[in-house]
N, C-alpha and C. Protein backbone atom coordinates (compact mmCIF):
# COMPACT_ATOMS: atom_id res chain seq x y z
N MET A 1 19.80 4.58 -23.42
CA MET A 1 18.43 4.45 -22.90
C MET A 1 17.63 5.70 -23.28
N ASN A 2 16.42 5.48 -23.66
CA ASN A 2 15.55 6.59 -24.05
C ASN A 2 15.07 7.33 -22.79
N PRO A 3 15.21 8.65 -22.73
CA PRO A 3 14.77 9.39 -21.52
C PRO A 3 13.29 9.19 -21.22
N VAL A 4 12.48 9.04 -22.26
CA VAL A 4 11.04 8.85 -22.03
C VAL A 4 10.81 7.53 -21.32
N GLU A 5 11.49 6.48 -21.75
CA GLU A 5 11.33 5.19 -21.10
C GLU A 5 11.83 5.25 -19.65
N TYR A 6 12.93 5.96 -19.43
CA TYR A 6 13.46 6.06 -18.06
C TYR A 6 12.46 6.78 -17.17
N THR A 7 11.88 7.87 -17.66
CA THR A 7 10.91 8.62 -16.86
C THR A 7 9.69 7.75 -16.57
N ARG A 8 9.23 7.01 -17.57
CA ARG A 8 8.06 6.17 -17.35
C ARG A 8 8.36 5.06 -16.34
N ALA A 9 9.53 4.47 -16.44
CA ALA A 9 9.90 3.43 -15.49
C ALA A 9 9.98 4.00 -14.07
N ARG A 10 10.53 5.21 -13.96
CA ARG A 10 10.62 5.84 -12.65
C ARG A 10 9.22 6.13 -12.11
N HIS A 11 8.34 6.61 -12.99
CA HIS A 11 6.97 6.90 -12.57
C HIS A 11 6.28 5.61 -12.11
N ASP A 12 6.48 4.52 -12.85
CA ASP A 12 5.87 3.26 -12.47
C ASP A 12 6.41 2.79 -11.12
N ARG A 13 7.71 3.02 -10.88
CA ARG A 13 8.28 2.60 -9.59
C ARG A 13 7.66 3.40 -8.45
N ILE A 14 7.51 4.72 -8.65
CA ILE A 14 6.90 5.56 -7.61
C ILE A 14 5.46 5.12 -7.37
N ARG A 15 4.74 4.83 -8.47
CA ARG A 15 3.35 4.39 -8.32
C ARG A 15 3.28 3.06 -7.59
N GLN A 16 4.20 2.16 -7.87
CA GLN A 16 4.22 0.87 -7.19
C GLN A 16 4.49 1.05 -5.69
N ILE A 17 5.40 1.98 -5.35
CA ILE A 17 5.68 2.24 -3.94
C ILE A 17 4.43 2.79 -3.25
N LEU A 18 3.72 3.70 -3.91
CA LEU A 18 2.51 4.27 -3.33
C LEU A 18 1.44 3.20 -3.14
N VAL A 19 1.33 2.29 -4.12
CA VAL A 19 0.35 1.20 -4.00
C VAL A 19 0.72 0.31 -2.83
N ASP A 20 2.01 -0.01 -2.69
CA ASP A 20 2.44 -0.86 -1.57
C ASP A 20 2.14 -0.20 -0.23
N VAL A 21 2.38 1.10 -0.14
CA VAL A 21 2.10 1.82 1.11
C VAL A 21 0.60 1.80 1.41
N ALA A 22 -0.20 2.04 0.38
CA ALA A 22 -1.66 2.04 0.56
C ALA A 22 -2.15 0.67 1.01
N VAL A 23 -1.63 -0.39 0.40
CA VAL A 23 -2.03 -1.74 0.79
C VAL A 23 -1.62 -2.02 2.24
N GLY A 24 -0.44 -1.56 2.62
CA GLY A 24 0.00 -1.75 3.99
C GLY A 24 -0.89 -1.03 4.99
N VAL A 25 -1.28 0.18 4.66
CA VAL A 25 -2.15 0.95 5.56
C VAL A 25 -3.51 0.27 5.68
N VAL A 26 -4.07 -0.16 4.56
CA VAL A 26 -5.38 -0.82 4.60
C VAL A 26 -5.30 -2.12 5.39
N THR A 27 -4.22 -2.86 5.20
CA THR A 27 -4.05 -4.12 5.94
C THR A 27 -3.97 -3.85 7.44
N ASN A 28 -3.21 -2.82 7.81
CA ASN A 28 -3.11 -2.50 9.24
C ASN A 28 -4.46 -2.08 9.81
N LEU A 29 -5.24 -1.33 9.04
CA LEU A 29 -6.57 -0.92 9.50
C LEU A 29 -7.47 -2.14 9.68
N LEU A 30 -7.40 -3.08 8.73
CA LEU A 30 -8.24 -4.28 8.84
C LEU A 30 -7.83 -5.11 10.06
N VAL A 31 -6.54 -5.27 10.28
CA VAL A 31 -6.08 -6.04 11.44
C VAL A 31 -6.52 -5.37 12.73
N THR A 32 -6.40 -4.04 12.78
CA THR A 32 -6.82 -3.31 13.97
C THR A 32 -8.32 -3.45 14.19
N ALA A 33 -9.09 -3.36 13.12
CA ALA A 33 -10.55 -3.50 13.24
C ALA A 33 -10.91 -4.90 13.73
N LEU A 34 -10.24 -5.90 13.20
CA LEU A 34 -10.52 -7.27 13.65
C LEU A 34 -10.14 -7.45 15.12
N ALA A 35 -9.05 -6.84 15.54
CA ALA A 35 -8.62 -6.95 16.94
C ALA A 35 -9.64 -6.28 17.85
N VAL A 36 -10.13 -5.11 17.44
CA VAL A 36 -11.13 -4.42 18.26
C VAL A 36 -12.43 -5.22 18.31
N ALA A 37 -12.83 -5.76 17.16
CA ALA A 37 -14.06 -6.57 17.14
C ALA A 37 -13.90 -7.80 18.02
N ALA A 38 -12.75 -8.45 17.95
CA ALA A 38 -12.53 -9.62 18.80
C ALA A 38 -12.56 -9.25 20.27
N ARG A 39 -12.00 -8.08 20.60
CA ARG A 39 -12.00 -7.64 21.99
C ARG A 39 -13.43 -7.36 22.47
N LEU A 40 -14.27 -6.81 21.58
CA LEU A 40 -15.65 -6.54 21.95
C LEU A 40 -16.44 -7.84 22.12
N VAL A 41 -16.18 -8.80 21.23
CA VAL A 41 -16.92 -10.06 21.28
C VAL A 41 -16.49 -10.88 22.49
N PHE A 42 -15.17 -10.97 22.68
CA PHE A 42 -14.68 -11.78 23.79
C PHE A 42 -14.43 -10.87 24.96
């Protein structure tokens, strides 16, 4: 295996993990905002 390819694959995996974490955080914020808005409305 070429070390350059291995490093790039590892970098892509780390970037994918960071993207997944960011999406999870944004999703949780949206759900929380919707819950607060629903509580205010109802």
